Amino acid sequence: MIKMYDCLQKHGIQLASNQVEYSLLRRSPETS
């Protein structure tokens, strides 16, 4: 995500979203 964000920023483009599995049973996107 950071690599994509940085690359897009060089061209004036915003990385708008990252879709990930997230729930009370899969909290790793938060805890990481």
PDB file of all heavy atoms in Angstrom:
ATOM      1  N   MET A   1       0.838  -1.204   0.000  1.00  0.00           N
ATOM      2  CA  MET A   1       0.000   0.000   0.000  1.00  0.00           C
ATOM      3  C   MET A   1       0.871   1.251   0.000  1.00  0.00           C
ATOM      4  O   MET A   1       0.625   2.195  -0.756  1.00  0.00           O
ATOM      5  CB  MET A   1      -0.940  -0.026   1.215  1.00  0.00           C
ATOM      6  CG  MET A   1      -1.891   1.158   1.335  1.00  0.00           C
ATOM      7  SD  MET A   1      -1.229   2.637   2.177  1.00  0.00           S
ATOM      8  CE  MET A   1      -0.720   1.990   3.764  1.00  0.00           C
ATOM      9  N   ILE A   2       1.903   1.268   0.833  1.00  0.00           N
ATOM     10  CA  ILE A   2       2.794   2.432   0.908  1.00  0.00           C
ATOM     11  C   ILE A   2       3.507   2.646  -0.425  1.00  0.00           C
ATOM     12  O   ILE A   2       3.594   3.777  -0.913  1.00  0.00           O
ATOM     13  CB  ILE A   2       3.800   2.284   2.072  1.00  0.00           C
ATOM     14  CG1 ILE A   2       3.050   2.382   3.410  1.00  0.00           C
ATOM     15  CG2 ILE A   2       4.898   3.338   1.986  1.00  0.00           C
ATOM     16  CD1 ILE A   2       3.897   2.007   4.625  1.00  0.00           C
ATOM     17  N   LYS A   3       3.991   1.574  -1.034  1.00  0.00           N
ATOM     18  CA  LYS A   3       4.658   1.687  -2.341  1.00  0.00           C
ATOM     19  C   LYS A   3       3.705   2.265  -3.385  1.00  0.00           C
ATOM     20  O   LYS A   3       4.065   3.149  -4.163  1.00  0.00           O
ATOM     21  CB  LYS A   3       5.147   0.320  -2.819  1.00  0.00           C
ATOM     22  CG  LYS A   3       6.466  -0.112  -2.286  1.00  0.00           C
ATOM     23  CD  LYS A   3       6.767  -1.500  -2.841  1.00  0.00           C
ATOM     24  CE  LYS A   3       8.231  -1.736  -2.973  1.00  0.00           C
ATOM     25  NZ  LYS A   3       8.514  -3.119  -3.412  1.00  0.00           N
ATOM     26  N   MET A   4       2.469   1.746  -3.415  1.00  0.00           N
ATOM     27  CA  MET A   4       1.485   2.234  -4.382  1.00  0.00           C
ATOM     28  C   MET A   4       1.149   3.693  -4.091  1.00  0.00           C
ATOM     29  O   MET A   4       1.082   4.515  -5.006  1.00  0.00           O
ATOM     30  CB  MET A   4       0.222   1.376  -4.333  1.00  0.00           C
ATOM     31  CG  MET A   4      -0.863   1.850  -5.293  1.00  0.00           C
ATOM     32  SD  MET A   4      -0.394   1.802  -7.029  1.00  0.00           S
ATOM     33  CE  MET A   4      -0.533   0.056  -7.335  1.00  0.00           C
ATOM     34  N   TYR A   5       0.954   4.020  -2.830  1.00  0.00           N
ATOM     35  CA  TYR A   5       0.653   5.398  -2.436  1.00  0.00           C
ATOM     36  C   TYR A   5       1.763   6.338  -2.914  1.00  0.00           C
ATOM     37  O   TYR A   5       1.489   7.364  -3.541  1.00  0.00           O
ATOM     38  CB  TYR A   5       0.480   5.480  -0.917  1.00  0.00           C
ATOM     39  CG  TYR A   5       0.300   6.881  -0.412  1.00  0.00           C
ATOM     40  CD1 TYR A   5      -0.960   7.468  -0.367  1.00  0.00           C
ATOM     41  CD2 TYR A   5       1.390   7.635   0.015  1.00  0.00           C
ATOM     42  CE1 TYR A   5      -1.124   8.773   0.089  1.00  0.00           C
ATOM     43  CE2 TYR A   5       1.235   8.934   0.463  1.00  0.00           C
ATOM     44  CZ  TYR A   5      -0.027   9.496   0.500  1.00  0.00           C
ATOM     45  OH  TYR A   5      -0.181  10.789   0.941  1.00  0.00           O
ATOM     46  N   ASP A   6       3.013   5.995  -2.600  1.00  0.00           N
ATOM     47  CA  ASP A   6       4.154   6.844  -2.976  1.00  0.00           C
ATOM     48  C   ASP A   6       4.255   7.004  -4.494  1.00  0.00           C
ATOM     49  O   ASP A   6       4.492   8.105  -4.999  1.00  0.00           O
ATOM     50  CB  ASP A   6       5.457   6.284  -2.414  1.00  0.00           C
ATOM     51  CG  ASP A   6       5.556   6.414  -0.897  1.00  0.00           C
ATOM     52  OD1 ASP A   6       4.773   7.189  -0.301  1.00  0.00           O
ATOM     53  OD2 ASP A   6       6.415   5.722  -0.311  1.00  0.00           O
ATOM     54  N   CYS A   7       4.072   5.913  -5.217  1.00  0.00           N
ATOM     55  CA  CYS A   7       4.150   5.956  -6.684  1.00  0.00           C
ATOM     56  C   CYS A   7       3.056   6.858  -7.254  1.00  0.00           C
ATOM     57  O   CYS A   7       3.314   7.695  -8.122  1.00  0.00           O
ATOM     58  CB  CYS A   7       4.030   4.543  -7.233  1.00  0.00           C
ATOM     59  SG  CYS A   7       4.101   4.475  -9.030  1.00  0.00           S
ATOM     60  N   LEU A   8       1.840   6.700  -6.767  1.00  0.00           N
ATOM     61  CA  LEU A   8       0.726   7.520  -7.257  1.00  0.00           C
ATOM     62  C   LEU A   8       0.921   8.997  -6.912  1.00  0.00           C
ATOM     63  O   LEU A   8       0.589   9.874  -7.715  1.00  0.00           O
ATOM     64  CB  LEU A   8      -0.601   7.005  -6.691  1.00  0.00           C
ATOM     65  CG  LEU A   8      -1.081   5.655  -7.231  1.00  0.00           C
ATOM     66  CD1 LEU A   8      -2.265   5.154  -6.401  1.00  0.00           C
ATOM     67  CD2 LEU A   8      -1.445   5.755  -8.700  1.00  0.00           C
ATOM     68  N   GLN A   9       1.453   9.272  -5.724  1.00  0.00           N
ATOM     69  CA  GLN A   9       1.674  10.649  -5.305  1.00  0.00           C
ATOM     70  C   GLN A   9       2.609  11.385  -6.259  1.00  0.00           C
ATOM     71  O   GLN A   9       2.440  12.575  -6.510  1.00  0.00           O
ATOM     72  CB  GLN A   9       2.223  10.692  -3.874  1.00  0.00           C
ATOM     73  CG  GLN A   9       1.202  10.373  -2.805  1.00  0.00           C
ATOM     74  CD  GLN A   9       0.139  11.429  -2.697  1.00  0.00           C
ATOM     75  OE1 GLN A   9       0.400  12.573  -2.346  1.00  0.00           O
ATOM     76  NE2 GLN A   9      -1.098  11.053  -3.012  1.00  0.00           N
ATOM     77  N   LYS A  10       3.592  10.671  -6.803  1.00  0.00           N
ATOM     78  CA  LYS A  10       4.526  11.275  -7.763  1.00  0.00           C
ATOM     79  C   LYS A  10       3.801  11.791  -9.006  1.00  0.00           C
ATOM     80  O   LYS A  10       4.306  12.654  -9.713  1.00  0.00           O
ATOM     81  CB  LYS A  10       5.590  10.260  -8.179  1.00  0.00           C
ATOM     82  CG  LYS A  10       6.569   9.915  -7.079  1.00  0.00           C
ATOM     83  CD  LYS A  10       7.529   8.830  -7.522  1.00  0.00           C
ATOM     84  CE  LYS A  10       8.383   8.386  -6.345  1.00  0.00           C
ATOM     85  NZ  LYS A  10       9.213   7.225  -6.692  1.00  0.00           N
ATOM     86  N   HIS A  11       2.639  11.248  -9.268  1.00  0.00           N
ATOM     87  CA  HIS A  11       1.841  11.637 -10.444  1.00  0.00           C
ATOM     88  C   HIS A  11       0.602  12.453 -10.051  1.00  0.00           C
ATOM     89  O   HIS A  11      -0.271  12.677 -10.885  1.00  0.00           O
ATOM     90  CB  HIS A  11       1.418  10.385 -11.220  1.00  0.00           C
ATOM     91  CG  HIS A  11       2.573   9.571 -11.687  1.00  0.00           C
ATOM     92  ND1 HIS A  11       3.343   9.913 -12.784  1.00  0.00           N
ATOM     93  CD2 HIS A  11       3.124   8.441 -11.182  1.00  0.00           C
ATOM     94  CE1 HIS A  11       4.297   9.025 -12.940  1.00  0.00           C
ATOM     95  NE2 HIS A  11       4.194   8.120 -11.982  1.00  0.00           N
ATOM     96  N   GLY A  12       0.548  12.888  -8.779  1.00  0.00           N
ATOM     97  CA  GLY A  12      -0.565  13.695  -8.320  1.00  0.00           C
ATOM     98  C   GLY A  12      -1.881  12.926  -8.199  1.00  0.00           C
ATOM     99  O   GLY A  12      -2.959  13.520  -8.257  1.00  0.00           O
ATOM    100  N   ILE A  13      -1.791  11.620  -8.007  1.00  0.00           N
ATOM    101  CA  ILE A  13      -2.981  10.774  -7.903  1.00  0.00           C
ATOM    102  C   ILE A  13      -3.086  10.240  -6.478  1.00  0.00           C
ATOM    103  O   ILE A  13      -2.106   9.768  -5.904  1.00  0.00           O
ATOM    104  CB  ILE A  13      -2.904   9.600  -8.908  1.00  0.00           C
ATOM    105  CG1 ILE A  13      -2.806  10.136 -10.335  1.00  0.00           C
ATOM    106  CG2 ILE A  13      -4.116   8.674  -8.753  1.00  0.00           C
ATOM    107  CD1 ILE A  13      -2.470   9.074 -11.361  1.00  0.00           C
ATOM    108  N   GLN A  14      -4.278  10.307  -5.917  1.00  0.00           N
ATOM    109  CA  GLN A  14      -4.512   9.826  -4.557  1.00  0.00           C
ATOM    110  C   GLN A  14      -4.877   8.341  -4.567  1.00  0.00           C
ATOM    111  O   GLN A  14      -5.708   7.913  -5.354  1.00  0.00           O
ATOM    112  CB  GLN A  14      -5.652  10.608  -3.901  1.00  0.00           C
ATOM    113  CG  GLN A  14      -6.076  10.116  -2.528  1.00  0.00           C
ATOM    114  CD  GLN A  14      -4.995  10.210  -1.456  1.00  0.00           C
ATOM    115  OE1 GLN A  14      -4.194  11.139  -1.450  1.00  0.00           O
ATOM    116  NE2 GLN A  14      -4.954   9.237  -0.569  1.00  0.00           N
ATOM    117  N   LEU A  15      -4.255   7.579  -3.695  1.00  0.00           N
ATOM    118  CA  LEU A  15      -4.711   6.223  -3.434  1.00  0.00           C
ATOM    119  C   LEU A  15      -5.925   6.370  -2.527  1.00  0.00           C
ATOM    120  O   LEU A  15      -5.816   6.844  -1.400  1.00  0.00           O
ATOM    121  CB  LEU A  15      -3.621   5.379  -2.763  1.00  0.00           C
ATOM    122  CG  LEU A  15      -4.018   3.942  -2.409  1.00  0.00           C
ATOM    123  CD1 LEU A  15      -4.436   3.169  -3.666  1.00  0.00           C
ATOM    124  CD2 LEU A  15      -2.876   3.225  -1.695  1.00  0.00           C
ATOM    125  N   ALA A  16      -7.086   6.027  -3.039  1.00  0.00           N
ATOM    126  CA  ALA A  16      -8.338   6.299  -2.338  1.00  0.00           C
ATOM    127  C   ALA A  16      -8.698   5.237  -1.313  1.00  0.00           C
ATOM    128  O   ALA A  16      -9.210   5.556  -0.244  1.00  0.00           O
ATOM    129  CB  ALA A  16      -9.485   6.441  -3.343  1.00  0.00           C
ATOM    130  N   SER A  17      -8.455   3.964  -1.653  1.00  0.00           N
ATOM    131  CA  SER A  17      -8.921   2.910  -0.758  1.00  0.00           C
ATOM    132  C   SER A  17      -8.098   1.640  -0.884  1.00  0.00           C
ATOM    133  O   SER A  17      -7.468   1.391  -1.905  1.00  0.00           O
ATOM    134  CB  SER A  17     -10.386   2.580  -1.052  1.00  0.00           C
ATOM    135  OG  SER A  17     -10.520   2.068  -2.362  1.00  0.00           O
ATOM    136  N   ASN A  18      -8.133   0.870   0.194  1.00  0.00           N
ATOM    137  CA  ASN A  18      -7.583  -0.477   0.211  1.00  0.00           C
ATOM    138  C   ASN A  18      -8.655  -1.357   0.837  1.00  0.00           C
ATOM    139  O   ASN A  18      -9.089  -1.112   1.957  1.00  0.00           O
ATOM    140  CB  ASN A  18      -6.290  -0.548   1.011  1.00  0.00           C
ATOM    141  CG  ASN A  18      -5.589  -1.898   0.875  1.00  0.00           C
ATOM    142  OD1 ASN A  18      -5.989  -2.753   0.097  1.00  0.00           O
ATOM    143  ND2 ASN A  18      -4.529  -2.085   1.656  1.00  0.00           N
ATOM    144  N   GLN A  19      -9.089  -2.339   0.094  1.00  0.00           N
ATOM    145  CA  GLN A  19     -10.132  -3.251   0.556  1.00  0.00           C
ATOM    146  C   GLN A  19      -9.462  -4.480   1.168  1.00  0.00           C
ATOM    147  O   GLN A  19      -8.678  -5.156   0.508  1.00  0.00           O
ATOM    148  CB  GLN A  19     -11.001  -3.650  -0.636  1.00  0.00           C
ATOM    149  CG  GLN A  19     -12.117  -4.592  -0.287  1.00  0.00           C
ATOM    150  CD  GLN A  19     -12.973  -4.885  -1.494  1.00  0.00           C
ATOM    151  OE1 GLN A  19     -13.518  -3.981  -2.094  1.00  0.00           O
ATOM    152  NE2 GLN A  19     -13.076  -6.145  -1.854  1.00  0.00           N
ATOM    153  N   VAL A  20      -9.756  -4.744   2.440  1.00  0.00           N
ATOM    154  CA  VAL A  20      -9.172  -5.887   3.146  1.00  0.00           C
ATOM    155  C   VAL A  20     -10.253  -6.598   3.940  1.00  0.00           C
ATOM    156  O   VAL A  20     -11.272  -6.007   4.293  1.00  0.00           O
ATOM    157  CB  VAL A  20      -8.040  -5.445   4.107  1.00  0.00           C
ATOM    158  CG1 VAL A  20      -6.880  -4.817   3.349  1.00  0.00           C
ATOM    159  CG2 VAL A  20      -8.550  -4.498   5.181  1.00  0.00           C
ATOM    160  N   GLU A  21     -10.018  -7.869   4.238  1.00  0.00           N
ATOM    161  CA  GLU A  21     -10.953  -8.592   5.105  1.00  0.00           C
ATOM    162  C   GLU A  21     -10.755  -8.092   6.529  1.00  0.00           C
ATOM    163  O   GLU A  21      -9.645  -8.105   7.058  1.00  0.00           O
ATOM    164  CB  GLU A  21     -10.700 -10.099   5.033  1.00  0.00           C
ATOM    165  CG  GLU A  21     -11.727 -10.874   5.845  1.00  0.00           C
ATOM    166  CD  GLU A  21     -11.486 -12.376   5.858  1.00  0.00           C
ATOM    167  OE1 GLU A  21     -10.518 -12.844   5.242  1.00  0.00           O
ATOM    168  OE2 GLU A  21     -12.286 -13.074   6.504  1.00  0.00           O
ATOM    169  N   TYR A  22     -11.856  -7.635   7.147  1.00  0.00           N
ATOM    170  CA  TYR A  22     -11.766  -7.118   8.513  1.00  0.00           C
ATOM    171  C   TYR A  22     -13.076  -7.361   9.245  1.00  0.00           C
ATOM    172  O   TYR A  22     -14.147  -7.029   8.737  1.00  0.00           O
ATOM    173  CB  TYR A  22     -11.444  -5.614   8.510  1.00  0.00           C
ATOM    174  CG  TYR A  22     -11.296  -5.063   9.905  1.00  0.00           C
ATOM    175  CD1 TYR A  22     -10.191  -5.400  10.685  1.00  0.00           C
ATOM    176  CD2 TYR A  22     -12.257  -4.248  10.452  1.00  0.00           C
ATOM    177  CE1 TYR A  22     -10.058  -4.924  11.975  1.00  0.00           C
ATOM    178  CE2 TYR A  22     -12.131  -3.753  11.749  1.00  0.00           C
ATOM    179  CZ  TYR A  22     -11.036  -4.097  12.508  1.00  0.00           C
ATOM    180  OH  TYR A  22     -10.911  -3.636  13.776  1.00  0.00           O
ATOM    181  N   SER A  23     -12.956  -7.951  10.417  1.00  0.00           N
ATOM    182  CA  SER A  23     -14.116  -8.204  11.274  1.00  0.00           C
ATOM    183  C   SER A  23     -13.606  -8.511  12.677  1.00  0.00           C
ATOM    184  O   SER A  23     -12.395  -8.559  12.908  1.00  0.00           O
ATOM    185  CB  SER A  23     -14.928  -9.397  10.746  1.00  0.00           C
ATOM    186  OG  SER A  23     -14.228 -10.612  10.972  1.00  0.00           O
ATOM    187  N   LEU A  24     -14.539  -8.772  13.573  1.00  0.00           N
ATOM    188  CA  LEU A  24     -14.149  -9.203  14.915  1.00  0.00           C
ATOM    189  C   LEU A  24     -13.394 -10.535  14.888  1.00  0.00           C
ATOM    190  O   LEU A  24     -12.676 -10.851  15.827  1.00  0.00           O
ATOM    191  CB  LEU A  24     -15.385  -9.344  15.817  1.00  0.00           C
ATOM    192  CG  LEU A  24     -15.836  -8.075  16.510  1.00  0.00           C
ATOM    193  CD1 LEU A  24     -17.268  -8.194  16.988  1.00  0.00           C
ATOM    194  CD2 LEU A  24     -14.900  -7.751  17.663  1.00  0.00           C
ATOM    195  N   LEU A  25     -13.540 -11.297  13.817  1.00  0.00           N
ATOM    196  CA  LEU A  25     -12.814 -12.562  13.698  1.00  0.00           C
ATOM    197  C   LEU A  25     -11.512 -12.422  12.921  1.00  0.00           C
ATOM    198  O   LEU A  25     -10.708 -13.344  12.896  1.00  0.00           O
ATOM    199  CB  LEU A  25     -13.679 -13.634  13.014  1.00  0.00           C
ATOM    200  CG  LEU A  25     -14.911 -14.084  13.781  1.00  0.00           C
ATOM    201  CD1 LEU A  25     -15.590 -15.233  13.058  1.00  0.00           C
ATOM    202  CD2 LEU A  25     -14.559 -14.478  15.206  1.00  0.00           C
ATOM    203  N   ARG A  26     -11.315 -11.296  12.261  1.00  0.00           N
ATOM    204  CA  ARG A  26     -10.069 -11.058  11.512  1.00  0.00           C
ATOM    205  C   ARG A  26      -9.626  -9.630  11.749  1.00  0.00           C
ATOM    206  O   ARG A  26      -9.900  -8.738  10.963  1.00  0.00           O
ATOM    207  CB  ARG A  26     -10.253 -11.312  10.030  1.00  0.00           C
ATOM    208  CG  ARG A  26      -8.955 -11.084   9.276  1.00  0.00           C
ATOM    209  CD  ARG A  26      -8.885 -11.906   8.016  1.00  0.00           C
ATOM    210  NE  ARG A  26      -7.790 -11.639   7.136  1.00  0.00           N
ATOM    211  CZ  ARG A  26      -6.496 -11.624   7.413  1.00  0.00           C
ATOM    212  NH1 ARG A  26      -6.081 -11.818   8.638  1.00  0.00           N
ATOM    213  NH2 ARG A  26      -5.596 -11.392   6.509  1.00  0.00           N
ATOM    214  N   ARG A  27      -8.929  -9.438  12.868  1.00  0.00           N
ATOM    215  CA  ARG A  27      -8.517  -8.109  13.290  1.00  0.00           C
ATOM    216  C   ARG A  27      -7.087  -7.765  12.883  1.00  0.00           C
ATOM    217  O   ARG A  27      -6.601  -6.669  13.179  1.00  0.00           O
ATOM    218  CB  ARG A  27      -8.668  -7.999  14.810  1.00  0.00           C
ATOM    219  CG  ARG A  27     -10.125  -8.072  15.235  1.00  0.00           C
ATOM    220  CD  ARG A  27     -10.330  -7.822  16.720  1.00  0.00           C
ATOM    221  NE  ARG A  27      -9.656  -6.622  17.135  1.00  0.00           N
ATOM    222  CZ  ARG A  27      -8.831  -6.552  18.185  1.00  0.00           C
ATOM    223  NH1 ARG A  27      -8.597  -7.601  18.932  1.00  0.00           N
ATOM    224  NH2 ARG A  27      -8.242  -5.413  18.487  1.00  0.00           N
ATOM    225  N   SER A  28      -6.402  -8.658  12.185  1.00  0.00           N
ATOM    226  CA  SER A  28      -4.997  -8.412  11.867  1.00  0.00           C
ATOM    227  C   SER A  28      -4.743  -7.107  11.114  1.00  0.00           C
ATOM    228  O   SER A  28      -3.697  -6.489  11.344  1.00  0.00           O
ATOM    229  CB  SER A  28      -4.380  -9.604  11.134  1.00  0.00           C
ATOM    230  OG  SER A  28      -5.054  -9.863   9.934  1.00  0.00           O
ATOM    231  N   PRO A  29      -5.640  -6.629  10.233  1.00  0.00           N
ATOM    232  CA  PRO A  29      -5.353  -5.325   9.625  1.00  0.00           C
ATOM    233  C   PRO A  29      -5.248  -4.190  10.661  1.00  0.00           C
ATOM    234  O   PRO A  29      -4.533  -3.218  10.448  1.00  0.00           O
ATOM    235  CB  PRO A  29      -6.534  -5.103   8.678  1.00  0.00           C
ATOM    236  CG  PRO A  29      -6.975  -6.483   8.314  1.00  0.00           C
ATOM    237  CD  PRO A  29      -6.801  -7.264   9.599  1.00  0.00           C
ATOM    238  N   GLU A  30      -5.937  -4.343  11.763  1.00  0.00           N
ATOM    239  CA  GLU A  30      -5.855  -3.352  12.839  1.00  0.00           C
ATOM    240  C   GLU A  30      -4.637  -3.607  13.719  1.00  0.00           C
ATOM    241  O   GLU A  30      -3.833  -2.704  13.958  1.00  0.00           O
ATOM    242  CB  GLU A  30      -7.122  -3.419  13.695  1.00  0.00           C
ATOM    243  CG  GLU A  30      -7.065  -2.545  14.925  1.00  0.00           C
ATOM    244  CD  GLU A  30      -8.139  -2.894  15.938  1.00  0.00           C
ATOM    245  OE1 GLU A  30      -8.985  -3.757  15.676  1.00  0.00           O
ATOM    246  OE2 GLU A  30      -8.109  -2.288  17.013  1.00  0.00           O
ATOM    247  N   THR A  31      -4.491  -4.837  14.196  1.00  0.00           N
ATOM    248  CA  THR A  31      -3.434  -5.130  15.167  1.00  0.00           C
ATOM    249  C   THR A  31      -2.036  -5.031  14.562  1.00  0.00           C
ATOM    250  O   THR A  31      -1.076  -4.792  15.281  1.00  0.00           O
ATOM    251  CB  THR A  31      -3.643  -6.519  15.800  1.00  0.00           C
ATOM    252  OG1 THR A  31      -3.657  -7.517  14.770  1.00  0.00           O
ATOM    253  CG2 THR A  31      -4.953  -6.576  16.582  1.00  0.00           C
ATOM    254  N   SER A  32      -1.932  -5.176  13.239  1.00  0.00           N
ATOM    255  CA  SER A  32      -0.633  -5.047  12.565  1.00  0.00           C
ATOM    256  C   SER A  32      -0.254  -3.593  12.311  1.00  0.00           C
ATOM    257  O   SER A  32       0.872  -3.306  11.917  1.00  0.00           O
ATOM    258  CB  SER A  32      -0.667  -5.785  11.228  1.00  0.00           C
ATOM    259  OG  SER A  32      -1.505  -5.092  10.309  1.00  0.00           O
TER     260      SER A  32
END
